Amino acid sequence: MNQKDRLLKALNGQKVDRPPVICPGGMMNAAVTEVVENISKNHNVDVDSMVEAAKKVYEITGFENYGVPFCMTVEAEPLGVELDFGSKIVEPRVTEYNKNQLEYIMKNYKVNPLKDKRMPAVIEAVKRLKNDDIPVTGSITGAISTATSVVDPLGLIKMFRKSPKEAYEFIDYVNDYTIEYAVELVKAGADVIAVADPTATGEILGKRNFDKFASPMYKKLIKEMHKFNVPVIIHICGNTKNIIESLNEIGADAVSFDSIVNMRLAKSKLKTRLMGNINTQLLHTGTKKKIISITKNCIDSGVDIVSPACGLSMATPIENLKAMTDFVKGKESL
């Protein structure tokens, strides 16, 4: 069973010899400093370096996938925001939001994933990474998080109560071109679409707003991906206790959780597969023995796919990531 078969079967609920161990890219970025320090250009921008970084993550860390891109700003970039593109060791970030009214943005910005900003670079990277044995993960940012990267997040969240119709229309607009982008990633060769939406946590939105503004976006995207028989992983940050039932309704093939979530409890409540949730602080600073112990506990709790719980620190040591991946593969023991 090769790595692509294992991951796709696990996402489909079929029996596998062991859990896959992956790091999808995007928010869950395994291109740590030790991986990228010898790459000549910024892997967040340059397509050759992006491909090289994805391959090095696979080769050096032991994660069983190629995943691009390595940040959460690609989807927001075409909508009039200012970006700092970072460097090999600093991830890109939004430095200035689009200050126009939502109606103006929706009317005047038409995003074409094949032409606009860095989307074509990511699509090209997926084309180059496509292969028969190693799964390629197309990582995208969820509509809530993208929307709150385009305009002031506090202002938009206040609109959930004051102007819910306008807020919903804007998030739906963002979701629609995100779906177009995801389709192009699939056409380029992505085997899995992984959606990270940290702003959509139940701790920020609460169940009512999650059900009203986030769930419909996931359902729409997942339905479209399933037309291509491509599975979708949804990653939600923080404590999901108040939205866990809602996650049963979105149709995801797997849900990825932060380390605060009790995976045994999640397993008892969810119908879908589970991914996660090795503490990233532990991976950064913990001992090899402790990392292996927590990884074993994660698998014993019923996790179908092992992965970091959230975004990794750029200073995370390769040997700590290898402790996790080698244990899953049976190369390490307690």
C-alpha atoms as a PDB file:
ATOM      1  CA  MET A   1       0.000   0.000   0.000  1.00  0.00           C
ATOM      2  CA  ASN A   2       1.631   3.254  -1.064  1.00  0.00           C
ATOM      3  CA  GLN A   3       1.195   6.535   0.762  1.00  0.00           C
ATOM      4  CA  LYS A   4      -1.434   7.931  -1.594  1.00  0.00           C
ATOM      5  CA  ASP A   5      -3.550   4.767  -1.343  1.00  0.00           C
ATOM      6  CA  ARG A   6      -3.266   4.789   2.451  1.00  0.00           C
ATOM      7  CA  LEU A   7      -4.393   8.388   2.839  1.00  0.00           C
ATOM      8  CA  LEU A   8      -7.260   8.156   0.366  1.00  0.00           C
ATOM      9  CA  LYS A   9      -8.517   4.913   1.894  1.00  0.00           C
ATOM     10  CA  ALA A  10      -8.308   6.378   5.390  1.00  0.00           C
ATOM     11  CA  LEU A  11     -10.310   9.405   4.256  1.00  0.00           C
ATOM     12  CA  ASN A  12     -12.859   7.072   2.692  1.00  0.00           C
ATOM     13  CA  GLY A  13     -13.255   5.080   5.908  1.00  0.00           C
ATOM     14  CA  GLN A  14     -11.625   1.964   4.464  1.00  0.00           C
ATOM     15  CA  LYS A  15      -9.261  -0.323   6.340  1.00  0.00           C
ATOM     16  CA  VAL A  16      -5.575   0.587   6.236  1.00  0.00           C
ATOM     17  CA  ASP A  17      -2.460  -1.022   7.671  1.00  0.00           C
ATOM     18  CA  ARG A  18      -1.760   2.010   9.889  1.00  0.00           C
ATOM     19  CA  PRO A  19      -2.750   5.684  10.085  1.00  0.00           C
ATOM     20  CA  PRO A  20      -1.175   8.049   7.559  1.00  0.00           C
ATOM     21  CA  VAL A  21       0.917  10.872   9.040  1.00  0.00           C
ATOM     22  CA  ILE A  22       0.661  14.155   7.122  1.00  0.00           C
ATOM     23  CA  CYS A  23       1.071  17.920   7.334  1.00  0.00           C
ATOM     24  CA  PRO A  24      -1.122  19.553   4.674  1.00  0.00           C
ATOM     25  CA  GLY A  25       0.612  22.909   4.153  1.00  0.00           C
ATOM     26  CA  GLY A  26      -1.103  26.276   4.457  1.00  0.00           C
ATOM     27  CA  MET A  27      -1.688  27.020   8.111  1.00  0.00           C
ATOM     28  CA  MET A  28      -0.280  23.588   9.002  1.00  0.00           C
ATOM     29  CA  ASN A  29       3.081  24.323   7.457  1.00  0.00           C
ATOM     30  CA  ALA A  30       5.970  21.895   7.929  1.00  0.00           C
ATOM     31  CA  ALA A  31       8.482  23.974   5.960  1.00  0.00           C
ATOM     32  CA  VAL A  32      10.353  24.771   9.172  1.00  0.00           C
ATOM     33  CA  THR A  33      13.691  26.604   9.194  1.00  0.00           C
ATOM     34  CA  GLU A  34      15.810  23.459   8.882  1.00  0.00           C
ATOM     35  CA  VAL A  35      13.872  22.477   5.759  1.00  0.00           C
ATOM     36  CA  VAL A  36      14.098  25.778   3.866  1.00  0.00           C
ATOM     37  CA  GLU A  37      17.406  27.295   4.993  1.00  0.00           C
ATOM     38  CA  ASN A  38      19.258  26.054   1.884  1.00  0.00           C
ATOM     39  CA  ILE A  39      16.528  26.959  -0.599  1.00  0.00           C
ATOM     40  CA  SER A  40      17.705  29.904  -2.716  1.00  0.00           C
ATOM     41  CA  LYS A  41      14.463  31.922  -3.025  1.00  0.00           C
ATOM     42  CA  ASN A  42      11.296  32.618  -1.013  1.00  0.00           C
ATOM     43  CA  HIS A  43       9.224  29.430  -1.201  1.00  0.00           C
ATOM     44  CA  ASN A  44       6.082  31.462  -0.440  1.00  0.00           C
ATOM     45  CA  VAL A  45       6.373  33.252  -3.780  1.00  0.00           C
ATOM     46  CA  ASP A  46       8.717  31.500  -6.209  1.00  0.00           C
ATOM     47  CA  VAL A  47       7.178  28.401  -7.810  1.00  0.00           C
ATOM     48  CA  ASP A  48      10.466  26.503  -8.188  1.00  0.00           C
ATOM     49  CA  SER A  49      11.245  27.051  -4.509  1.00  0.00           C
ATOM     50  CA  MET A  50       7.686  26.114  -3.547  1.00  0.00           C
ATOM     51  CA  VAL A  51       8.056  22.754  -5.278  1.00  0.00           C
ATOM     52  CA  GLU A  52      11.517  22.245  -3.762  1.00  0.00           C
ATOM     53  CA  ALA A  53      10.232  23.045  -0.260  1.00  0.00           C
ATOM     54  CA  ALA A  54       7.290  20.637  -0.588  1.00  0.00           C
ATOM     55  CA  LYS A  55       9.633  17.847  -1.637  1.00  0.00           C
ATOM     56  CA  LYS A  56      12.088  18.609   1.155  1.00  0.00           C
ATOM     57  CA  VAL A  57       9.312  18.541   3.764  1.00  0.00           C
ATOM     58  CA  TYR A  58       8.459  15.046   2.561  1.00  0.00           C
ATOM     59  CA  GLU A  59      12.061  13.846   2.390  1.00  0.00           C
ATOM     60  CA  ILE A  60      13.371  15.378   5.624  1.00  0.00           C
ATOM     61  CA  THR A  61      10.451  15.263   8.083  1.00  0.00           C
ATOM     62  CA  GLY A  62       8.812  11.988   7.119  1.00  0.00           C
ATOM     63  CA  PHE A  63       5.356  13.469   6.518  1.00  0.00           C
ATOM     64  CA  GLU A  64       3.595  11.392   3.874  1.00  0.00           C
ATOM     65  CA  ASN A  65       2.351  14.080   1.520  1.00  0.00           C
ATOM     66  CA  TYR A  66       3.337  17.023  -0.612  1.00  0.00           C
ATOM     67  CA  GLY A  67       1.470  20.150   0.504  1.00  0.00           C
ATOM     68  CA  VAL A  68       1.375  23.691  -0.891  1.00  0.00           C
ATOM     69  CA  PRO A  69       1.323  26.623  -0.278  1.00  0.00           C
ATOM     70  CA  PHE A  70       2.967  27.477   3.063  1.00  0.00           C
ATOM     71  CA  CYS A  71       0.871  30.408   4.257  1.00  0.00           C
ATOM     72  CA  MET A  72      -2.736  31.659   4.539  1.00  0.00           C
ATOM     73  CA  THR A  73      -2.568  34.825   2.428  1.00  0.00           C
ATOM     74  CA  VAL A  74      -2.909  33.514  -1.129  1.00  0.00           C
ATOM     75  CA  GLU A  75      -6.711  33.823  -1.239  1.00  0.00           C
ATOM     76  CA  ALA A  76      -6.821  37.308   0.302  1.00  0.00           C
ATOM     77  CA  GLU A  77      -4.080  38.782  -1.888  1.00  0.00           C
ATOM     78  CA  PRO A  78      -6.215  39.486  -5.013  1.00  0.00           C
ATOM     79  CA  LEU A  79      -8.746  41.569  -3.047  1.00  0.00           C
ATOM     80  CA  GLY A  80      -6.786  44.773  -2.567  1.00  0.00           C
ATOM     81  CA  VAL A  81      -4.887  44.018   0.641  1.00  0.00           C
ATOM     82  CA  GLU A  82      -1.263  44.930   1.293  1.00  0.00           C
ATOM     83  CA  LEU A  83       1.055  42.038   2.069  1.00  0.00           C
ATOM     84  CA  ASP A  84       4.465  41.489   3.536  1.00  0.00           C
ATOM     85  CA  PHE A  85       5.626  38.414   1.618  1.00  0.00           C
ATOM     86  CA  GLY A  86       7.974  37.426   4.398  1.00  0.00           C
ATOM     87  CA  SER A  87      11.068  35.373   3.698  1.00  0.00           C
ATOM     88  CA  LYS A  88      12.235  31.805   3.881  1.00  0.00           C
ATOM     89  CA  ILE A  89      11.874  31.913   7.663  1.00  0.00           C
ATOM     90  CA  VAL A  90       9.015  34.419   8.089  1.00  0.00           C
ATOM     91  CA  GLU A  91       5.560  33.615   6.753  1.00  0.00           C
ATOM     92  CA  PRO A  92       3.661  36.221   4.686  1.00  0.00           C
ATOM     93  CA  ARG A  93       1.110  38.365   6.478  1.00  0.00           C
ATOM     94  CA  VAL A  94      -1.481  41.016   5.710  1.00  0.00           C
ATOM     95  CA  THR A  95      -0.193  44.493   6.618  1.00  0.00           C
ATOM     96  CA  GLU A  96      -3.182  46.557   5.467  1.00  0.00           C
ATOM     97  CA  TYR A  97      -6.802  45.579   4.932  1.00  0.00           C
ATOM     98  CA  ASN A  98      -8.992  46.702   2.046  1.00  0.00           C
ATOM     99  CA  LYS A  99     -10.826  49.668   3.549  1.00  0.00           C
ATOM    100  CA  ASN A 100     -13.583  49.831   0.942  1.00  0.00           C
ATOM    101  CA  GLN A 101     -17.173  48.895   1.652  1.00  0.00           C
ATOM    102  CA  LEU A 102     -18.033  45.224   1.148  1.00  0.00           C
ATOM    103  CA  GLU A 103     -20.426  46.043  -1.684  1.00  0.00           C
ATOM    104  CA  TYR A 104     -17.664  47.937  -3.503  1.00  0.00           C
ATOM    105  CA  ILE A 105     -15.219  45.039  -3.114  1.00  0.00           C
ATOM    106  CA  MET A 106     -17.720  42.487  -4.417  1.00  0.00           C
ATOM    107  CA  LYS A 107     -18.557  44.677  -7.400  1.00  0.00           C
ATOM    108  CA  ASN A 108     -15.038  45.709  -8.386  1.00  0.00           C
ATOM    109  CA  TYR A 109     -12.815  42.697  -7.632  1.00  0.00           C
ATOM    110  CA  LYS A 110     -13.274  39.642  -9.818  1.00  0.00           C
ATOM    111  CA  VAL A 111     -10.810  36.914  -8.931  1.00  0.00           C
ATOM    112  CA  ASN A 112      -9.437  34.572 -11.593  1.00  0.00           C
ATOM    113  CA  PRO A 113      -7.413  31.767  -9.979  1.00  0.00           C
ATOM    114  CA  LEU A 114      -5.556  31.088 -13.233  1.00  0.00           C
ATOM    115  CA  LYS A 115      -4.284  34.664 -13.517  1.00  0.00           C
ATOM    116  CA  ASP A 116      -4.370  36.535 -10.211  1.00  0.00           C
ATOM    117  CA  LYS A 117      -1.378  37.048  -7.911  1.00  0.00           C
ATOM    118  CA  ARG A 118       0.117  33.813  -6.481  1.00  0.00           C
ATOM    119  CA  MET A 119      -2.767  31.453  -7.239  1.00  0.00           C
ATOM    120  CA  PRO A 120      -1.215  30.440 -10.595  1.00  0.00           C
ATOM    121  CA  ALA A 121       2.095  29.677  -8.840  1.00  0.00           C
ATOM    122  CA  VAL A 122       0.391  27.328  -6.385  1.00  0.00           C
ATOM    123  CA  ILE A 123      -1.557  25.648  -9.198  1.00  0.00           C
ATOM    124  CA  GLU A 124       1.664  25.188 -11.179  1.00  0.00           C
ATOM    125  CA  ALA A 125       3.401  23.762  -8.109  1.00  0.00           C
ATOM    126  CA  VAL A 126       0.638  21.163  -7.754  1.00  0.00           C
ATOM    127  CA  LYS A 127       1.063  20.221 -11.434  1.00  0.00           C
ATOM    128  CA  ARG A 128       4.772  19.653 -10.904  1.00  0.00           C
ATOM    129  CA  LEU A 129       4.258  17.685  -7.695  1.00  0.00           C
ATOM    130  CA  LYS A 130       1.587  15.360  -9.083  1.00  0.00           C
ATOM    131  CA  ASN A 131       2.661  11.705  -8.974  1.00  0.00           C
ATOM    132  CA  ASP A 132       1.343   8.189  -8.478  1.00  0.00           C
ATOM    133  CA  ASP A 133       2.655   7.384  -5.010  1.00  0.00           C
ATOM    134  CA  ILE A 134       2.722  10.463  -2.759  1.00  0.00           C
ATOM    135  CA  PRO A 135      -0.549  12.346  -2.141  1.00  0.00           C
ATOM    136  CA  VAL A 136      -0.598  16.031  -3.078  1.00  0.00           C
ATOM    137  CA  THR A 137      -2.581  18.265  -0.729  1.00  0.00           C
ATOM    138  CA  GLY A 138      -4.003  21.513  -2.012  1.00  0.00           C
ATOM    139  CA  SER A 139      -4.256  23.744   1.062  1.00  0.00           C
ATOM    140  CA  ILE A 140      -6.771  26.571   1.050  1.00  0.00           C
ATOM    141  CA  THR A 141      -7.923  29.096   3.609  1.00  0.00           C
ATOM    142  CA  GLY A 142     -11.548  28.912   4.680  1.00  0.00           C
ATOM    143  CA  ALA A 143     -13.948  31.659   3.707  1.00  0.00           C
ATOM    144  CA  ILE A 144     -14.338  33.128   7.201  1.00  0.00           C
ATOM    145  CA  SER A 145     -10.587  33.458   7.708  1.00  0.00           C
ATOM    146  CA  THR A 146     -10.036  34.833   4.211  1.00  0.00           C
ATOM    147  CA  ALA A 147     -12.841  37.360   4.621  1.00  0.00           C
ATOM    148  CA  THR A 148     -11.326  38.547   7.905  1.00  0.00           C
ATOM    149  CA  SER A 149      -7.954  38.913   6.174  1.00  0.00           C
ATOM    150  CA  VAL A 150      -9.443  41.105   3.449  1.00  0.00           C
ATOM    151  CA  VAL A 151     -11.320  43.533   5.710  1.00  0.00           C
ATOM    152  CA  ASP A 152     -10.973  44.452   9.368  1.00  0.00           C
ATOM    153  CA  PRO A 153     -11.933  41.265  11.266  1.00  0.00           C
ATOM    154  CA  LEU A 154     -13.601  42.962  14.221  1.00  0.00           C
ATOM    155  CA  GLY A 155     -15.701  45.080  11.894  1.00  0.00           C
ATOM    156  CA  LEU A 156     -16.849  42.059   9.909  1.00  0.00           C
ATOM    157  CA  ILE A 157     -17.667  40.008  13.000  1.00  0.00           C
ATOM    158  CA  LYS A 158     -19.730  42.915  14.381  1.00  0.00           C
ATOM    159  CA  MET A 159     -21.687  42.814  11.123  1.00  0.00           C
ATOM    160  CA  PHE A 160     -22.788  39.266  11.939  1.00  0.00           C
ATOM    161  CA  ARG A 161     -25.192  40.893  14.374  1.00  0.00           C
ATOM    162  CA  LYS A 162     -25.749  44.347  12.870  1.00  0.00           C
ATOM    163  CA  SER A 163     -25.791  43.562   9.130  1.00  0.00           C
ATOM    164  CA  PRO A 164     -25.954  39.769   8.809  1.00  0.00           C
ATOM    165  CA  LYS A 165     -27.229  39.731   5.217  1.00  0.00           C
ATOM    166  CA  GLU A 166     -24.368  41.890   3.946  1.00  0.00           C
ATOM    167  CA  ALA A 167     -21.795  39.911   5.937  1.00  0.00           C
ATOM    168  CA  TYR A 168     -23.150  36.609   4.606  1.00  0.00           C
ATOM    169  CA  GLU A 169     -23.086  37.868   1.006  1.00  0.00           C
ATOM    170  CA  PHE A 170     -19.447  38.904   1.354  1.00  0.00           C
ATOM    171  CA  ILE A 171     -18.366  35.590   2.884  1.00  0.00           C
ATOM    172  CA  ASP A 172     -20.294  33.723   0.181  1.00  0.00           C
ATOM    173  CA  TYR A 173     -18.537  35.835  -2.468  1.00  0.00           C
ATOM    174  CA  VAL A 174     -15.165  34.891  -0.966  1.00  0.00           C
ATOM    175  CA  ASN A 175     -16.222  31.245  -0.745  1.00  0.00           C
ATOM    176  CA  ASP A 176     -17.259  31.155  -4.412  1.00  0.00           C
ATOM    177  CA  TYR A 177     -13.861  32.175  -5.766  1.00  0.00           C
ATOM    178  CA  THR A 178     -12.167  29.935  -3.196  1.00  0.00           C
ATOM    179  CA  ILE A 179     -14.148  27.052  -4.686  1.00  0.00           C
ATOM    180  CA  GLU A 180     -12.996  28.087  -8.189  1.00  0.00           C
ATOM    181  CA  TYR A 181      -9.409  28.065  -6.916  1.00  0.00           C
ATOM    182  CA  ALA A 182      -9.876  24.649  -5.291  1.00  0.00           C
ATOM    183  CA  VAL A 183     -11.285  23.271  -8.557  1.00  0.00           C
ATOM    184  CA  GLU A 184      -8.171  24.436 -10.410  1.00  0.00           C
ATOM    185  CA  LEU A 185      -5.959  22.803  -7.769  1.00  0.00           C
ATOM    186  CA  VAL A 186      -7.848  19.545  -8.304  1.00  0.00           C
ATOM    187  CA  LYS A 187      -7.545  19.833 -12.082  1.00  0.00           C
ATOM    188  CA  ALA A 188      -3.811  20.382 -11.607  1.00  0.00           C
ATOM    189  CA  GLY A 189      -3.509  17.158  -9.639  1.00  0.00           C
ATOM    190  CA  ALA A 190      -4.380  17.745  -5.979  1.00  0.00           C
ATOM    191  CA  ASP A 191      -5.530  14.466  -4.423  1.00  0.00           C
ATOM    192  CA  VAL A 192      -6.961  16.111  -1.289  1.00  0.00           C
ATOM    193  CA  ILE A 193      -8.211  19.596  -0.449  1.00  0.00           C
ATOM    194  CA  ALA A 194      -7.405  20.718   3.099  1.00  0.00           C
ATOM    195  CA  VAL A 195      -9.266  23.756   4.427  1.00  0.00           C
ATOM    196  CA  ALA A 196      -7.884  25.672   7.405  1.00  0.00           C
ATOM    197  CA  ASP A 197     -10.298  28.180   8.931  1.00  0.00           C
ATOM    198  CA  PRO A 198      -8.908  29.347  12.292  1.00  0.00           C
ATOM    199  CA  THR A 199     -11.261  32.334  12.590  1.00  0.00           C
ATOM    200  CA  ALA A 200     -14.259  30.001  12.329  1.00  0.00           C
ATOM    201  CA  THR A 201     -13.601  28.431  15.707  1.00  0.00           C
ATOM    202  CA  GLY A 202     -16.557  28.084  18.014  1.00  0.00           C
ATOM    203  CA  GLU A 203     -14.676  30.198  20.555  1.00  0.00           C
ATOM    204  CA  ILE A 204     -14.890  33.212  18.229  1.00  0.00           C
ATOM    205  CA  LEU A 205     -18.159  32.615  16.395  1.00  0.00           C
ATOM    206  CA  GLY A 206     -20.222  30.550  18.812  1.00  0.00           C
ATOM    207  CA  LYS A 207     -22.542  27.832  17.552  1.00  0.00           C
ATOM    208  CA  ARG A 208     -25.213  30.170  16.188  1.00  0.00           C
ATOM    209  CA  ASN A 209     -22.843  32.161  13.963  1.00  0.00           C
ATOM    210  CA  PHE A 210     -20.901  29.038  13.005  1.00  0.00           C
ATOM    211  CA  ASP A 211     -24.096  27.422  11.764  1.00  0.00           C
ATOM    212  CA  LYS A 212     -25.200  30.588   9.982  1.00  0.00           C
ATOM    213  CA  PHE A 213     -21.968  31.816   8.384  1.00  0.00           C
ATOM    214  CA  ALA A 214     -19.447  28.948   8.297  1.00  0.00           C
ATOM    215  CA  SER A 215     -21.356  25.681   7.827  1.00  0.00           C
ATOM    216  CA  PRO A 216     -23.066  26.695   4.565  1.00  0.00           C
ATOM    217  CA  MET A 217     -19.691  27.655   3.076  1.00  0.00           C
ATOM    218  CA  TYR A 218     -18.131  24.295   3.936  1.00  0.00           C
ATOM    219  CA  LYS A 219     -21.126  22.383   2.595  1.00  0.00           C
ATOM    220  CA  LYS A 220     -20.959  24.288  -0.694  1.00  0.00           C
ATOM    221  CA  LEU A 221     -17.220  23.725  -1.140  1.00  0.00           C
ATOM    222  CA  ILE A 222     -17.313  20.073  -0.099  1.00  0.00           C
ATOM    223  CA  LYS A 223     -20.216  19.331  -2.446  1.00  0.00           C
ATOM    224  CA  GLU A 224     -18.214  20.781  -5.333  1.00  0.00           C
ATOM    225  CA  MET A 225     -15.064  18.830  -4.459  1.00  0.00           C
ATOM    226  CA  HIS A 226     -17.018  15.601  -4.180  1.00  0.00           C
ATOM    227  CA  LYS A 227     -18.142  16.062  -7.791  1.00  0.00           C
ATOM    228  CA  PHE A 228     -14.486  15.371  -8.610  1.00  0.00           C
ATOM    229  CA  ASN A 229     -14.326  12.488  -6.069  1.00  0.00           C
ATOM    230  CA  VAL A 230     -11.761  14.507  -4.113  1.00  0.00           C
ATOM    231  CA  PRO A 231     -11.906  14.281  -0.305  1.00  0.00           C
ATOM    232  CA  VAL A 232     -11.900  17.365   1.911  1.00  0.00           C
ATOM    233  CA  ILE A 233     -10.281  17.875   5.311  1.00  0.00           C
ATOM    234  CA  ILE A 234     -11.564  20.749   7.464  1.00  0.00           C
ATOM    235  CA  HIS A 235      -9.269  22.123  10.180  1.00  0.00           C
ATOM    236  CA  ILE A 236     -10.862  24.116  13.000  1.00  0.00           C
ATOM    237  CA  CYS A 237      -8.749  25.761  15.692  1.00  0.00           C
ATOM    238  CA  GLY A 238      -9.460  26.039  19.390  1.00  0.00           C
ATOM    239  CA  ASN A 239     -12.089  24.336  21.495  1.00  0.00           C
ATOM    240  CA  THR A 240     -14.818  22.913  19.253  1.00  0.00           C
ATOM    241  CA  LYS A 241     -17.054  21.594  22.045  1.00  0.00           C
ATOM    242  CA  ASN A 242     -19.939  23.933  21.189  1.00  0.00           C
ATOM    243  CA  ILE A 243     -19.870  23.208  17.415  1.00  0.00           C
ATOM    244  CA  ILE A 244     -18.976  19.525  17.278  1.00  0.00           C
ATOM    245  CA  GLU A 245     -22.505  18.447  16.324  1.00  0.00           C
ATOM    246  CA  SER A 246     -22.477  21.029  13.536  1.00  0.00           C
ATOM    247  CA  LEU A 247     -19.320  19.454  12.130  1.00  0.00           C
ATOM    248  CA  ASN A 248     -21.286  16.240  11.632  1.00  0.00           C
ATOM    249  CA  GLU A 249     -23.503  18.027   9.128  1.00  0.00           C
ATOM    250  CA  ILE A 250     -20.992  19.627   6.746  1.00  0.00           C
ATOM    251  CA  GLY A 251     -20.034  16.466   4.847  1.00  0.00           C
ATOM    252  CA  ALA A 252     -16.265  16.624   5.372  1.00  0.00           C
ATOM    253  CA  ASP A 253     -14.239  13.462   4.851  1.00  0.00           C
ATOM    254  CA  ALA A 254     -12.127  14.287   7.918  1.00  0.00           C
ATOM    255  CA  VAL A 255     -12.073  16.962  10.586  1.00  0.00           C
ATOM    256  CA  SER A 256      -8.754  18.147  11.987  1.00  0.00           C
ATOM    257  CA  PHE A 257      -8.625  19.409  15.562  1.00  0.00           C
ATOM    258  CA  ASP A 258      -6.418  21.512  17.795  1.00  0.00           C
ATOM    259  CA  SER A 259      -4.636  19.883  20.750  1.00  0.00           C
ATOM    260  CA  ILE A 260      -7.202  21.222  23.237  1.00  0.00           C
ATOM    261  CA  VAL A 261      -9.809  18.801  21.825  1.00  0.00           C
ATOM    262  CA  ASN A 262     -10.247  15.431  23.526  1.00  0.00           C
ATOM    263  CA  MET A 263     -10.090  13.034  20.587  1.00  0.00           C
ATOM    264  CA  ARG A 264     -11.816  10.187  22.405  1.00  0.00           C
ATOM    265  CA  LEU A 265     -14.767  12.492  23.012  1.00  0.00           C
ATOM    266  CA  ALA A 266     -14.681  13.736  19.429  1.00  0.00           C
ATOM    267  CA  LYS A 267     -14.592  10.132  18.201  1.00  0.00           C
ATOM    268  CA  SER A 268     -17.711   9.346  20.190  1.00  0.00           C
ATOM    269  CA  LYS A 269     -19.644  12.258  18.700  1.00  0.00           C
ATOM    270  CA  LEU A 270     -18.509  12.480  15.086  1.00  0.00           C
ATOM    271  CA  LYS A 271     -19.459  10.340  12.120  1.00  0.00           C
ATOM    272  CA  THR A 272     -16.520  11.501  10.020  1.00  0.00           C
ATOM    273  CA  ARG A 273     -12.845  10.592  10.213  1.00  0.00           C
ATOM    274  CA  LEU A 274     -10.554  12.399  12.664  1.00  0.00           C
ATOM    275  CA  MET A 275      -7.187  14.022  12.024  1.00  0.00           C
ATOM    276  CA  GLY A 276      -4.716  15.472  14.486  1.00  0.00           C
ATOM    277  CA  ASN A 277      -3.805  16.492  17.022  1.00  0.00           C
ATOM    278  CA  ILE A 278      -0.200  16.420  18.249  1.00  0.00           C
ATOM    279  CA  ASN A 279       0.495  19.542  20.313  1.00  0.00           C
ATOM    280  CA  THR A 280       2.695  21.926  18.323  1.00  0.00           C
ATOM    281  CA  GLN A 281       4.332  23.408  21.416  1.00  0.00           C
ATOM    282  CA  LEU A 282       5.338  19.878  22.371  1.00  0.00           C
ATOM    283  CA  LEU A 283       6.748  19.345  18.874  1.00  0.00           C
ATOM    284  CA  HIS A 284       8.699  22.575  19.254  1.00  0.00           C
ATOM    285  CA  THR A 285      10.186  22.088  22.718  1.00  0.00           C
ATOM    286  CA  GLY A 286       9.303  18.595  23.965  1.00  0.00           C
ATOM    287  CA  THR A 287      11.427  15.516  24.432  1.00  0.00           C
ATOM    288  CA  LYS A 288      11.446  12.704  21.921  1.00  0.00           C
ATOM    289  CA  LYS A 289      10.005  10.313  24.521  1.00  0.00           C
ATOM    290  CA  LYS A 290       7.091  12.631  25.321  1.00  0.00           C
ATOM    291  CA  ILE A 291       6.324  13.240  21.638  1.00  0.00           C
ATOM    292  CA  ILE A 292       6.177   9.495  21.006  1.00  0.00           C
ATOM    293  CA  SER A 293       3.966   9.003  24.067  1.00  0.00           C
ATOM    294  CA  ILE A 294       1.485  11.655  22.929  1.00  0.00           C
ATOM    295  CA  THR A 295       1.498  10.290  19.382  1.00  0.00           C
ATOM    296  CA  LYS A 296       0.685   6.827  20.698  1.00  0.00           C
ATOM    297  CA  ASN A 297      -2.125   8.244  22.812  1.00  0.00           C
ATOM    298  CA  CYS A 298      -3.492  10.044  19.774  1.00  0.00           C
ATOM    299  CA  ILE A 299      -3.609   6.821  17.765  1.00  0.00           C
ATOM    300  CA  ASP A 300      -5.086   4.912  20.721  1.00  0.00           C
ATOM    301  CA  SER A 301      -7.818   7.576  20.932  1.00  0.00           C
ATOM    302  CA  GLY A 302      -9.019   6.596  17.476  1.00  0.00           C
ATOM    303  CA  VAL A 303      -7.403   9.174  15.222  1.00  0.00           C
ATOM    304  CA  ASP A 304      -7.550   8.090  11.583  1.00  0.00           C
ATOM    305  CA  ILE A 305      -4.809  10.447  10.340  1.00  0.00           C
ATOM    306  CA  VAL A 306      -1.957  11.694  12.524  1.00  0.00           C
ATOM    307  CA  SER A 307      -0.856  15.303  12.085  1.00  0.00           C
ATOM    308  CA  PRO A 308       0.265  18.356  14.043  1.00  0.00           C
ATOM    309  CA  ALA A 309      -2.604  20.010  15.882  1.00  0.00           C
ATOM    310  CA  CYS A 310      -2.073  23.403  14.250  1.00  0.00           C
ATOM    311  CA  GLY A 311       0.645  25.561  12.691  1.00  0.00           C
ATOM    312  CA  LEU A 312       4.210  24.583  13.556  1.00  0.00           C
ATOM    313  CA  SER A 313       6.776  27.015  14.881  1.00  0.00           C
ATOM    314  CA  MET A 314       9.503  27.686  12.308  1.00  0.00           C
ATOM    315  CA  ALA A 315      11.973  26.715  15.041  1.00  0.00           C
ATOM    316  CA  THR A 316      10.553  23.196  15.425  1.00  0.00           C
ATOM    317  CA  PRO A 317      13.459  20.714  15.274  1.00  0.00           C
ATOM    318  CA  ILE A 318      13.411  18.125  12.511  1.00  0.00           C
ATOM    319  CA  GLU A 319      14.313  15.412  15.035  1.00  0.00           C
ATOM    320  CA  ASN A 320      11.067  16.123  16.920  1.00  0.00           C
ATOM    321  CA  LEU A 321       8.978  15.845  13.771  1.00  0.00           C
ATOM    322  CA  LYS A 322      10.799  12.632  12.905  1.00  0.00           C
ATOM    323  CA  ALA A 323      10.020  11.225  16.349  1.00  0.00           C
ATOM    324  CA  MET A 324       6.324  11.555  15.527  1.00  0.00           C
ATOM    325  CA  THR A 325       6.460  10.340  11.920  1.00  0.00           C
ATOM    326  CA  ASP A 326       8.836   7.469  12.650  1.00  0.00           C
ATOM    327  CA  PHE A 327       6.648   6.219  15.503  1.00  0.00           C
ATOM    328  CA  VAL A 328       3.569   6.166  13.273  1.00  0.00           C
ATOM    329  CA  LYS A 329       5.545   4.205  10.680  1.00  0.00           C
ATOM    330  CA  GLY A 330       6.738   1.695  13.278  1.00  0.00           C
ATOM    331  CA  LYS A 331      10.370   2.847  13.156  1.00  0.00           C
ATOM    332  CA  GLU A 332      10.342   4.073  16.759  1.00  0.00           C
ATOM    333  CA  SER A 333       8.898   2.676  19.973  1.00  0.00           C
ATOM    334  CA  LEU A 334       8.418   3.837  23.548  1.00  0.00           C
END
